[in-house]
């Protein structure tokens, strides 16, 4: 439970950037509704790359806060994987809703 709270605290710092990118992808899917199947690959890679860039920027700009998480037993890898998987699943659900 403590680990989940720490991951949530970390994710709060990058939530708005990830949400903005997700909503942009959903908006593009909404605009190209008839031809959405043609651009889904591009949007997939765009989202994967932006997740990596946002996570790298968060680690780079929060160096001192990373020691806090590491001292409490949450590694950078665990933070990266859990926040990335959650954000990607959120993106996937919203894309599926927009595609219908």
PDB file of N, CA and C in Angstrom:
ATOM      1  N   UNK A   1       0.831  -1.195   0.000  1.00  0.00           N
ATOM      2  CA  UNK A   1       0.000   0.000   0.000  1.00  0.00           C
ATOM      3  C   UNK A   1       0.874   1.257   0.000  1.00  0.00           C
ATOM      4  N   UNK A   2       1.954   1.217   0.775  1.00  0.00           N
ATOM      5  CA  UNK A   2       2.851   2.365   0.833  1.00  0.00           C
ATOM      6  C   UNK A   2       3.507   2.603  -0.522  1.00  0.00           C
ATOM      7  N   UNK A   3       3.861   1.506  -1.199  1.00  0.00           N
ATOM      8  CA  UNK A   3       4.481   1.628  -2.517  1.00  0.00           C
ATOM      9  C   UNK A   3       3.518   2.268  -3.504  1.00  0.00           C
ATOM     10  N   UNK A   4       2.266   1.885  -3.439  1.00  0.00           N
ATOM     11  CA  UNK A   4       1.253   2.471  -4.331  1.00  0.00           C
ATOM     12  C   UNK A   4       1.105   3.967  -4.076  1.00  0.00           C
ATOM     13  N   UNK A   5       1.141   4.375  -2.824  1.00  0.00           N
ATOM     14  CA  UNK A   5       1.056   5.807  -2.508  1.00  0.00           C
ATOM     15  C   UNK A   5       2.260   6.561  -3.053  1.00  0.00           C
ATOM     16  N   UNK A   6       3.441   5.958  -2.960  1.00  0.00           N
ATOM     17  CA  UNK A   6       4.643   6.615  -3.469  1.00  0.00           C
ATOM     18  C   UNK A   6       4.616   6.722  -4.990  1.00  0.00           C
ATOM     19  N   UNK A   7       4.143   5.678  -5.645  1.00  0.00           N
ATOM     20  CA  UNK A   7       4.043   5.722  -7.105  1.00  0.00           C
ATOM     21  C   UNK A   7       3.017   6.768  -7.533  1.00  0.00           C
ATOM     22  N   UNK A   8       1.922   6.854  -6.805  1.00  0.00           N
ATOM     23  CA  UNK A   8       0.903   7.860  -7.101  1.00  0.00           C
ATOM     24  C   UNK A   8       1.455   9.266  -6.901  1.00  0.00           C
ATOM     25  N   UNK A   9       2.239   9.453  -5.870  1.00  0.00           N
ATOM     26  CA  UNK A   9       2.848  10.765  -5.621  1.00  0.00           C
ATOM     27  C   UNK A   9       3.772  11.144  -6.768  1.00  0.00           C
ATOM     28  N   UNK A  10       4.538  10.186  -7.261  1.00  0.00           N
ATOM     29  CA  UNK A  10       5.420  10.460  -8.394  1.00  0.00           C
ATOM     30  C   UNK A  10       4.606  10.760  -9.647  1.00  0.00           C
ATOM     31  N   UNK A  11       3.552   9.974  -9.871  1.00  0.00           N
ATOM     32  CA  UNK A  11       2.745  10.140 -11.081  1.00  0.00           C
ATOM     33  C   UNK A  11       2.010  11.476 -11.099  1.00  0.00           C
ATOM     34  N   UNK A  12       1.685  12.021  -9.939  1.00  0.00           N
ATOM     35  CA  UNK A  12       1.020  13.321  -9.890  1.00  0.00           C
ATOM     36  C   UNK A  12       1.859  14.401 -10.554  1.00  0.00           C
ATOM     37  N   UNK A  13       3.167  14.264 -10.502  1.00  0.00           N
ATOM     38  CA  UNK A  13       4.050  15.259 -11.111  1.00  0.00           C
ATOM     39  C   UNK A  13       4.046  15.224 -12.632  1.00  0.00           C
ATOM     40  N   UNK A  14       3.740  14.080 -13.220  1.00  0.00           N
ATOM     41  CA  UNK A  14       3.771  13.961 -14.675  1.00  0.00           C
ATOM     42  C   UNK A  14       2.394  13.725 -15.274  1.00  0.00           C
ATOM     43  N   UNK A  15       1.374  13.728 -14.450  1.00  0.00           N
ATOM     44  CA  UNK A  15       0.021  13.411 -14.902  1.00  0.00           C
ATOM     45  C   UNK A  15      -0.467  14.363 -15.969  1.00  0.00           C
ATOM     46  N   UNK A  16      -0.320  15.657 -15.775  1.00  0.00           N
ATOM     47  CA  UNK A  16      -0.898  16.619 -16.716  1.00  0.00           C
ATOM     48  C   UNK A  16      -0.234  16.560 -18.083  1.00  0.00           C
ATOM     49  N   UNK A  17       1.070  16.330 -18.113  1.00  0.00           N
ATOM     50  CA  UNK A  17       1.757  16.208 -19.403  1.00  0.00           C
ATOM     51  C   UNK A  17       1.268  14.968 -20.142  1.00  0.00           C
ATOM     52  N   UNK A  18       1.162  13.853 -19.431  1.00  0.00           N
ATOM     53  CA  UNK A  18       0.679  12.621 -20.054  1.00  0.00           C
ATOM     54  C   UNK A  18      -0.784  12.746 -20.491  1.00  0.00           C
ATOM     55  N   UNK A  19      -1.600  13.386 -19.688  1.00  0.00           N
ATOM     56  CA  UNK A  19      -3.005  13.560 -20.043  1.00  0.00           C
ATOM     57  C   UNK A  19      -3.153  14.443 -21.278  1.00  0.00           C
ATOM     58  N   UNK A  20      -2.348  15.473 -21.380  1.00  0.00           N
ATOM     59  CA  UNK A  20      -2.391  16.351 -22.548  1.00  0.00           C
ATOM     60  C   UNK A  20      -2.073  15.579 -23.824  1.00  0.00           C
ATOM     61  N   UNK A  21      -1.039  14.761 -23.796  1.00  0.00           N
ATOM     62  CA  UNK A  21      -0.663  13.965 -24.965  1.00  0.00           C
ATOM     63  C   UNK A  21      -1.770  12.963 -25.298  1.00  0.00           C
ATOM     64  N   UNK A  22      -2.340  12.343 -24.279  1.00  0.00           N
ATOM     65  CA  UNK A  22      -3.423  11.385 -24.490  1.00  0.00           C
ATOM     66  C   UNK A  22      -4.631  12.059 -25.129  1.00  0.00           C
ATOM     67  N   UNK A  23      -4.999  13.227 -24.634  1.00  0.00           N
ATOM     68  CA  UNK A  23      -6.156  13.932 -25.197  1.00  0.00           C
ATOM     69  C   UNK A  23      -5.883  14.415 -26.617  1.00  0.00           C
ATOM     70  N   UNK A  24      -4.641  14.765 -26.918  1.00  0.00           N
ATOM     71  CA  UNK A  24      -4.294  15.126 -28.298  1.00  0.00           C
ATOM     72  C   UNK A  24      -4.477  13.935 -29.223  1.00  0.00           C
ATOM     73  N   UNK A  25      -4.037  12.762 -28.790  1.00  0.00           N
ATOM     74  CA  UNK A  25      -4.208  11.553 -29.600  1.00  0.00           C
ATOM     75  C   UNK A  25      -5.686  11.225 -29.795  1.00  0.00           C
ATOM     76  N   UNK A  26      -6.460  11.360 -28.747  1.00  0.00           N
ATOM     77  CA  UNK A  26      -7.894  11.098 -28.846  1.00  0.00           C
ATOM     78  C   UNK A  26      -8.553  12.115 -29.777  1.00  0.00           C
ATOM     79  N   UNK A  27      -8.138  13.356 -29.698  1.00  0.00           N
ATOM     80  CA  UNK A  27      -8.677  14.382 -30.590  1.00  0.00           C
ATOM     81  C   UNK A  27      -8.348  14.109 -32.044  1.00  0.00           C
ATOM     82  N   UNK A  28      -7.137  13.665 -32.297  1.00  0.00           N
ATOM     83  CA  UNK A  28      -6.753  13.321 -33.668  1.00  0.00           C
ATOM     84  C   UNK A  28      -7.577  12.139 -34.167  1.00  0.00           C
ATOM     85  N   UNK A  29      -7.796  11.166 -33.295  1.00  0.00           N
ATOM     86  CA  UNK A  29      -8.639  10.026 -33.682  1.00  0.00           C
ATOM     87  C   UNK A  29     -10.063  10.485 -33.977  1.00  0.00           C
ATOM     88  N   UNK A  30     -10.544  11.446 -33.207  1.00  0.00           N
ATOM     89  CA  UNK A  30     -11.888  11.962 -33.439  1.00  0.00           C
ATOM     90  C   UNK A  30     -11.997  12.725 -34.744  1.00  0.00           C
ATOM     91  N   UNK A  31     -10.957  13.457 -35.095  1.00  0.00           N
ATOM     92  CA  UNK A  31     -10.965  14.226 -36.340  1.00  0.00           C
ATOM     93  C   UNK A  31     -10.906  13.296 -37.554  1.00  0.00           C
ATOM     94  N   UNK A  32     -10.045  12.295 -37.480  1.00  0.00           N
ATOM     95  CA  UNK A  32      -9.870  11.353 -38.591  1.00  0.00           C
ATOM     96  C   UNK A  32     -10.656  10.071 -38.368  1.00  0.00           C
ATOM     97  N   UNK A  33     -11.872  10.197 -37.945  1.00  0.00           N
ATOM     98  CA  UNK A  33     -12.691   9.041 -37.580  1.00  0.00           C
ATOM     99  C   UNK A  33     -12.777   8.005 -38.712  1.00  0.00           C
ATOM    100  N   UNK A  34     -12.989   8.442 -39.931  1.00  0.00           N
ATOM    101  CA  UNK A  34     -13.135   7.504 -41.051  1.00  0.00           C
ATOM    102  C   UNK A  34     -11.805   6.855 -41.438  1.00  0.00           C
ATOM    103  N   UNK A  35     -10.726   7.584 -41.283  1.00  0.00           N
ATOM    104  CA  UNK A  35      -9.410   7.069 -41.664  1.00  0.00           C
ATOM    105  C   UNK A  35      -8.535   6.793 -40.443  1.00  0.00           C
ATOM    106  N   UNK A  36      -9.141   6.540 -39.304  1.00  0.00           N
ATOM    107  CA  UNK A  36      -8.395   6.362 -38.056  1.00  0.00           C
ATOM    108  C   UNK A  36      -7.502   5.138 -38.092  1.00  0.00           C
ATOM    109  N   UNK A  37      -7.917   4.098 -38.794  1.00  0.00           N
ATOM    110  CA  UNK A  37      -7.103   2.888 -38.850  1.00  0.00           C
ATOM    111  C   UNK A  37      -5.763   3.135 -39.535  1.00  0.00           C
ATOM    112  N   UNK A  38      -5.666   4.185 -40.363  1.00  0.00           N
ATOM    113  CA  UNK A  38      -4.410   4.498 -41.046  1.00  0.00           C
ATOM    114  C   UNK A  38      -3.408   5.193 -40.131  1.00  0.00           C
ATOM    115  N   UNK A  39      -3.887   5.925 -39.139  1.00  0.00           N
ATOM    116  CA  UNK A  39      -2.970   6.692 -38.295  1.00  0.00           C
ATOM    117  C   UNK A  39      -2.758   6.090 -36.917  1.00  0.00           C
ATOM    118  N   UNK A  40      -3.389   4.969 -36.623  1.00  0.00           N
ATOM    119  CA  UNK A  40      -3.275   4.395 -35.281  1.00  0.00           C
ATOM    120  C   UNK A  40      -1.836   3.968 -34.979  1.00  0.00           C
ATOM    121  N   UNK A  41      -1.116   3.486 -35.969  1.00  0.00           N
ATOM    122  CA  UNK A  41       0.286   3.100 -35.758  1.00  0.00           C
ATOM    123  C   UNK A  41       1.157   4.293 -35.403  1.00  0.00           C
ATOM    124  N   UNK A  42       0.927   5.400 -36.104  1.00  0.00           N
ATOM    125  CA  UNK A  42       1.679   6.615 -35.825  1.00  0.00           C
ATOM    126  C   UNK A  42       1.368   7.123 -34.417  1.00  0.00           C
ATOM    127  N   UNK A  43       0.099   7.104 -34.034  1.00  0.00           N
ATOM    128  CA  UNK A  43      -0.277   7.559 -32.697  1.00  0.00           C
ATOM    129  C   UNK A  43       0.272   6.645 -31.618  1.00  0.00           C
ATOM    130  N   UNK A  44       0.340   5.341 -31.892  1.00  0.00           N
ATOM    131  CA  UNK A  44       0.915   4.399 -30.939  1.00  0.00           C
ATOM    132  C   UNK A  44       2.370   4.749 -30.654  1.00  0.00           C
ATOM    133  N   UNK A  45       3.153   4.910 -31.706  1.00  0.00           N
ATOM    134  CA  UNK A  45       4.573   5.223 -31.500  1.00  0.00           C
ATOM    135  C   UNK A  45       4.767   6.613 -30.921  1.00  0.00           C
ATOM    136  N   UNK A  46       3.905   7.544 -31.285  1.00  0.00           N
ATOM    137  CA  UNK A  46       3.969   8.878 -30.691  1.00  0.00           C
ATOM    138  C   UNK A  46       3.765   8.802 -29.181  1.00  0.00           C
ATOM    139  N   UNK A  47       2.799   8.018 -28.754  1.00  0.00           N
ATOM    140  CA  UNK A  47       2.514   7.885 -27.323  1.00  0.00           C
ATOM    141  C   UNK A  47       3.657   7.178 -26.602  1.00  0.00           C
ATOM    142  N   UNK A  48       4.200   6.119 -27.193  1.00  0.00           N
ATOM    143  CA  UNK A  48       5.309   5.399 -26.564  1.00  0.00           C
ATOM    144  C   UNK A  48       6.523   6.310 -26.400  1.00  0.00           C
ATOM    145  N   UNK A  49       6.840   7.065 -27.432  1.00  0.00           N
ATOM    146  CA  UNK A  49       8.000   7.961 -27.364  1.00  0.00           C
ATOM    147  C   UNK A  49       7.767   9.075 -26.351  1.00  0.00           C
ATOM    148  N   UNK A  50       6.578   9.647 -26.314  1.00  0.00           N
ATOM    149  CA  UNK A  50       6.322  10.727 -25.360  1.00  0.00           C
ATOM    150  C   UNK A  50       6.293  10.221 -23.918  1.00  0.00           C
ATOM    151  N   UNK A  51       5.851   8.996 -23.700  1.00  0.00           N
ATOM    152  CA  UNK A  51       5.920   8.429 -22.348  1.00  0.00           C
ATOM    153  C   UNK A  51       7.374   8.358 -21.898  1.00  0.00           C
ATOM    154  N   UNK A  52       8.242   7.888 -22.788  1.00  0.00           N
ATOM    155  CA  UNK A  52       9.664   7.778 -22.450  1.00  0.00           C
ATOM    156  C   UNK A  52      10.290   9.147 -22.208  1.00  0.00           C
ATOM    157  N   UNK A  53       9.963  10.111 -23.043  1.00  0.00           N
ATOM    158  CA  UNK A  53      10.539  11.459 -22.894  1.00  0.00           C
ATOM    159  C   UNK A  53      10.057  12.120 -21.608  1.00  0.00           C
ATOM    160  N   UNK A  54       8.791  12.003 -21.312  1.00  0.00           N
ATOM    161  CA  UNK A  54       8.255  12.615 -20.092  1.00  0.00           C
ATOM    162  C   UNK A  54       8.845  11.953 -18.854  1.00  0.00           C
ATOM    163  N   UNK A  55       8.999  10.637 -18.878  1.00  0.00           N
ATOM    164  CA  UNK A  55       9.602   9.950 -17.738  1.00  0.00           C
ATOM    165  C   UNK A  55      11.066  10.349 -17.563  1.00  0.00           C
ATOM    166  N   UNK A  56      11.801  10.440 -18.668  1.00  0.00           N
ATOM    167  CA  UNK A  56      13.202  10.860 -18.583  1.00  0.00           C
ATOM    168  C   UNK A  56      13.302  12.281 -18.035  1.00  0.00           C
ATOM    169  N   UNK A  57      12.438  13.165 -18.500  1.00  0.00           N
ATOM    170  CA  UNK A  57      12.454  14.548 -18.005  1.00  0.00           C
ATOM    171  C   UNK A  57      12.100  14.598 -16.529  1.00  0.00           C
ATOM    172  N   UNK A  58      11.155  13.782 -16.101  1.00  0.00           N
ATOM    173  CA  UNK A  58      10.782  13.758 -14.682  1.00  0.00           C
ATOM    174  C   UNK A  58      11.942  13.285 -13.822  1.00  0.00           C
ATOM    175  N   UNK A  59      12.641  12.266 -14.279  1.00  0.00           N
ATOM    176  CA  UNK A  59      13.796  11.777 -13.517  1.00  0.00           C
ATOM    177  C   UNK A  59      14.907  12.818 -13.505  1.00  0.00           C
ATOM    178  N   UNK A  60      15.121  13.460 -14.643  1.00  0.00           N
ATOM    179  CA  UNK A  60      16.190  14.447 -14.740  1.00  0.00           C
ATOM    180  C   UNK A  60      15.927  15.674 -13.858  1.00  0.00           C
ATOM    181  N   UNK A  61      14.713  16.174 -13.870  1.00  0.00           N
ATOM    182  CA  UNK A  61      14.401  17.383 -13.123  1.00  0.00           C
ATOM    183  C   UNK A  61      14.064  17.128 -11.651  1.00  0.00           C
ATOM    184  N   UNK A  62      13.835  15.888 -11.279  1.00  0.00           N
ATOM    185  CA  UNK A  62      13.529  15.555  -9.894  1.00  0.00           C
ATOM    186  C   UNK A  62      14.608  14.649  -9.307  1.00  0.00           C
ATOM    187  N   UNK A  63      15.870  14.963  -9.573  1.00  0.00           N
ATOM    188  CA  UNK A  63      16.962  14.106  -9.112  1.00  0.00           C
ATOM    189  C   UNK A  63      16.956  13.926  -7.599  1.00  0.00           C
ATOM    190  N   UNK A  64      16.770  14.998  -6.899  1.00  0.00           N
ATOM    191  CA  UNK A  64      16.801  14.912  -5.429  1.00  0.00           C
ATOM    192  C   UNK A  64      15.594  14.156  -4.888  1.00  0.00           C
ATOM    193  N   UNK A  65      14.463  14.290  -5.541  1.00  0.00           N
ATOM    194  CA  UNK A  65      13.278  13.559  -5.103  1.00  0.00           C
ATOM    195  C   UNK A  65      13.409  12.068  -5.385  1.00  0.00           C
ATOM    196  N   UNK A  66      14.243  11.694  -6.358  1.00  0.00           N
ATOM    197  CA  UNK A  66      14.443  10.280  -6.652  1.00  0.00           C
ATOM    198  C   UNK A  66      15.109   9.571  -5.478  1.00  0.00           C
ATOM    199  N   UNK A  67      15.968  10.266  -4.765  1.00  0.00           N
ATOM    200  CA  UNK A  67      16.578   9.679  -3.572  1.00  0.00           C
ATOM    201  C   UNK A  67      15.514   9.356  -2.526  1.00  0.00           C
ATOM    202  N   UNK A  68      14.519  10.196  -2.432  1.00  0.00           N
ATOM    203  CA  UNK A  68      13.404   9.965  -1.499  1.00  0.00           C
ATOM    204  C   UNK A  68      12.711   8.644  -1.814  1.00  0.00           C
ATOM    205  N   UNK A  69      12.388   8.442  -3.094  1.00  0.00           N
ATOM    206  CA  UNK A  69      11.706   7.210  -3.489  1.00  0.00           C
ATOM    207  C   UNK A  69      12.609   5.992  -3.312  1.00  0.00           C
ATOM    208  N   UNK A  70      13.878   6.146  -3.668  1.00  0.00           N
ATOM    209  CA  UNK A  70      14.800   5.028  -3.541  1.00  0.00           C
ATOM    210  C   UNK A  70      15.041   4.656  -2.083  1.00  0.00           C
ATOM    211  N   UNK A  71      15.097   5.636  -1.222  1.00  0.00           N
ATOM    212  CA  UNK A  71      15.280   5.344   0.203  1.00  0.00           C
ATOM    213  C   UNK A  71      14.076   4.631   0.803  1.00  0.00           C
ATOM    214  N   UNK A  72      12.912   4.835   0.242  1.00  0.00           N
ATOM    215  CA  UNK A  72      11.710   4.166   0.727  1.00  0.00           C
ATOM    216  C   UNK A  72      11.438   2.853  -0.008  1.00  0.00           C
ATOM    217  N   UNK A  73      12.358   2.443  -0.863  1.00  0.00           N
ATOM    218  CA  UNK A  73      12.269   1.131  -1.484  1.00  0.00           C
ATOM    219  C   UNK A  73      11.596   1.074  -2.832  1.00  0.00           C
ATOM    220  N   UNK A  74      11.403   2.207  -3.478  1.00  0.00           N
ATOM    221  CA  UNK A  74      10.783   2.224  -4.808  1.00  0.00           C
ATOM    222  C   UNK A  74      11.847   2.673  -5.807  1.00  0.00           C
ATOM    223  N   UNK A  75      12.224   1.766  -6.689  1.00  0.00           N
ATOM    224  CA  UNK A  75      13.285   2.066  -7.649  1.00  0.00           C
ATOM    225  C   UNK A  75      12.756   2.886  -8.823  1.00  0.00           C
ATOM    226  N   UNK A  76      13.691   3.449  -9.582  1.00  0.00           N
ATOM    227  CA  UNK A  76      13.317   4.197 -10.782  1.00  0.00           C
ATOM    228  C   UNK A  76      12.633   3.277 -11.788  1.00  0.00           C
ATOM    229  N   UNK A  77      13.112   2.060 -11.856  1.00  0.00           N
ATOM    230  CA  UNK A  77      12.522   1.099 -12.782  1.00  0.00           C
ATOM    231  C   UNK A  77      11.071   0.802 -12.433  1.00  0.00           C
ATOM    232  N   UNK A  78      10.805   0.623 -11.155  1.00  0.00           N
ATOM    233  CA  UNK A  78       9.427   0.356 -10.725  1.00  0.00           C
ATOM    234  C   UNK A  78       8.536   1.568 -10.981  1.00  0.00           C
ATOM    235  N   UNK A  79       9.057   2.758 -10.714  1.00  0.00           N
ATOM    236  CA  UNK A  79       8.288   3.972 -11.006  1.00  0.00           C
ATOM    237  C   UNK A  79       8.002   4.086 -12.492  1.00  0.00           C
ATOM    238  N   UNK A  80       9.008   3.837 -13.295  1.00  0.00           N
ATOM    239  CA  UNK A  80       8.851   3.965 -14.744  1.00  0.00           C
ATOM    240  C   UNK A  80       7.881   2.962 -15.318  1.00  0.00           C
ATOM    241  N   UNK A  81       8.005   1.715 -14.902  1.00  0.00           N
ATOM    242  CA  UNK A  81       7.138   0.674 -15.460  1.00  0.00           C
ATOM    243  C   UNK A  81       5.687   0.872 -15.041  1.00  0.00           C
ATOM    244  N   UNK A  82       5.452   1.114 -13.778  1.00  0.00           N
ATOM    245  CA  UNK A  82       4.058   1.232 -13.321  1.00  0.00           C
ATOM    246  C   UNK A  82       3.375   2.466 -13.881  1.00  0.00           C
ATOM    247  N   UNK A  83       4.052   3.600 -13.892  1.00  0.00           N
ATOM    248  CA  UNK A  83       3.417   4.803 -14.424  1.00  0.00           C
ATOM    249  C   UNK A  83       3.223   4.704 -15.937  1.00  0.00           C
ATOM    250  N   UNK A  84       4.180   4.097 -16.627  1.00  0.00           N
ATOM    251  CA  UNK A  84       4.055   3.951 -18.083  1.00  0.00           C
ATOM    252  C   UNK A  84       2.924   2.996 -18.454  1.00  0.00           C
ATOM    253  N   UNK A  85       2.834   1.886 -17.746  1.00  0.00           N
ATOM    254  CA  UNK A  85       1.767   0.921 -18.039  1.00  0.00           C
ATOM    255  C   UNK A  85       0.401   1.539 -17.749  1.00  0.00           C
ATOM    256  N   UNK A  86       0.278   2.234 -16.618  1.00  0.00           N
ATOM    257  CA  UNK A  86      -1.004   2.871 -16.302  1.00  0.00           C
ATOM    258  C   UNK A  86      -1.366   3.910 -17.348  1.00  0.00           C
ATOM    259  N   UNK A  87      -0.411   4.737 -17.737  1.00  0.00           N
ATOM    260  CA  UNK A  87      -0.697   5.781 -18.703  1.00  0.00           C
ATOM    261  C   UNK A  87      -1.026   5.188 -20.072  1.00  0.00           C
ATOM    262  N   UNK A  88      -0.326   4.140 -20.465  1.00  0.00           N
ATOM    263  CA  UNK A  88      -0.609   3.515 -21.755  1.00  0.00           C
ATOM    264  C   UNK A  88      -1.983   2.856 -21.750  1.00  0.00           C
ATOM    265  N   UNK A  89      -2.358   2.223 -20.650  1.00  0.00           N
ATOM    266  CA  UNK A  89      -3.688   1.619 -20.578  1.00  0.00           C
ATOM    267  C   UNK A  89      -4.784   2.679 -20.616  1.00  0.00           C
ATOM    268  N   UNK A  90      -4.554   3.811 -19.960  1.00  0.00           N
ATOM    269  CA  UNK A  90      -5.503   4.921 -20.032  1.00  0.00           C
ATOM    270  C   UNK A  90      -5.636   5.398 -21.470  1.00  0.00           C
ATOM    271  N   UNK A  91      -4.510   5.532 -22.170  1.00  0.00           N
ATOM    272  CA  UNK A  91      -4.520   5.950 -23.568  1.00  0.00           C
ATOM    273  C   UNK A  91      -5.285   4.943 -24.418  1.00  0.00           C
ATOM    274  N   UNK A  92      -5.037   3.672 -24.188  1.00  0.00           N
ATOM    275  CA  UNK A  92      -5.686   2.627 -24.971  1.00  0.00           C
ATOM    276  C   UNK A  92      -7.203   2.639 -24.776  1.00  0.00           C
ATOM    277  N   UNK A  93      -7.652   2.793 -23.544  1.00  0.00           N
ATOM    278  CA  UNK A  93      -9.087   2.841 -23.274  1.00  0.00           C
ATOM    279  C   UNK A  93      -9.733   4.049 -23.945  1.00  0.00           C
ATOM    280  N   UNK A  94      -9.089   5.204 -23.846  1.00  0.00           N
ATOM    281  CA  UNK A  94      -9.654   6.404 -24.463  1.00  0.00           C
ATOM    282  C   UNK A  94      -9.633   6.325 -25.997  1.00  0.00           C
ATOM    283  N   UNK A  95      -8.611   5.713 -26.548  1.00  0.00           N
ATOM    284  CA  UNK A  95      -8.556   5.543 -28.005  1.00  0.00           C
ATOM    285  C   UNK A  95      -9.671   4.605 -28.467  1.00  0.00           C
ATOM    286  N   UNK A  96      -9.904   3.537 -27.722  1.00  0.00           N
ATOM    287  CA  UNK A  96     -10.977   2.610 -28.093  1.00  0.00           C
ATOM    288  C   UNK A  96     -12.339   3.282 -28.001  1.00  0.00           C
ATOM    289  N   UNK A  97     -12.527   4.120 -27.007  1.00  0.00           N
ATOM    290  CA  UNK A  97     -13.780   4.860 -26.887  1.00  0.00           C
ATOM    291  C   UNK A  97     -13.934   5.854 -28.041  1.00  0.00           C
ATOM    292  N   UNK A  98     -12.853   6.535 -28.397  1.00  0.00           N
ATOM    293  CA  UNK A  98     -12.922   7.510 -29.485  1.00  0.00           C
ATOM    294  C   UNK A  98     -13.116   6.838 -30.836  1.00  0.00           C
ATOM    295  N   UNK A  99     -12.595   5.634 -31.002  1.00  0.00           N
ATOM    296  CA  UNK A  99     -12.689   4.932 -32.288  1.00  0.00           C
ATOM    297  C   UNK A  99     -14.103   4.433 -32.541  1.00  0.00           C
ATOM    298  N   UNK A 100     -14.835   4.151 -31.488  1.00  0.00           N
ATOM    299  CA  UNK A 100     -16.209   3.664 -31.658  1.00  0.00           C
ATOM    300  C   UNK A 100     -17.063   4.807 -31.988  1.00  0.00           C
TER     301      UNK A 100
END
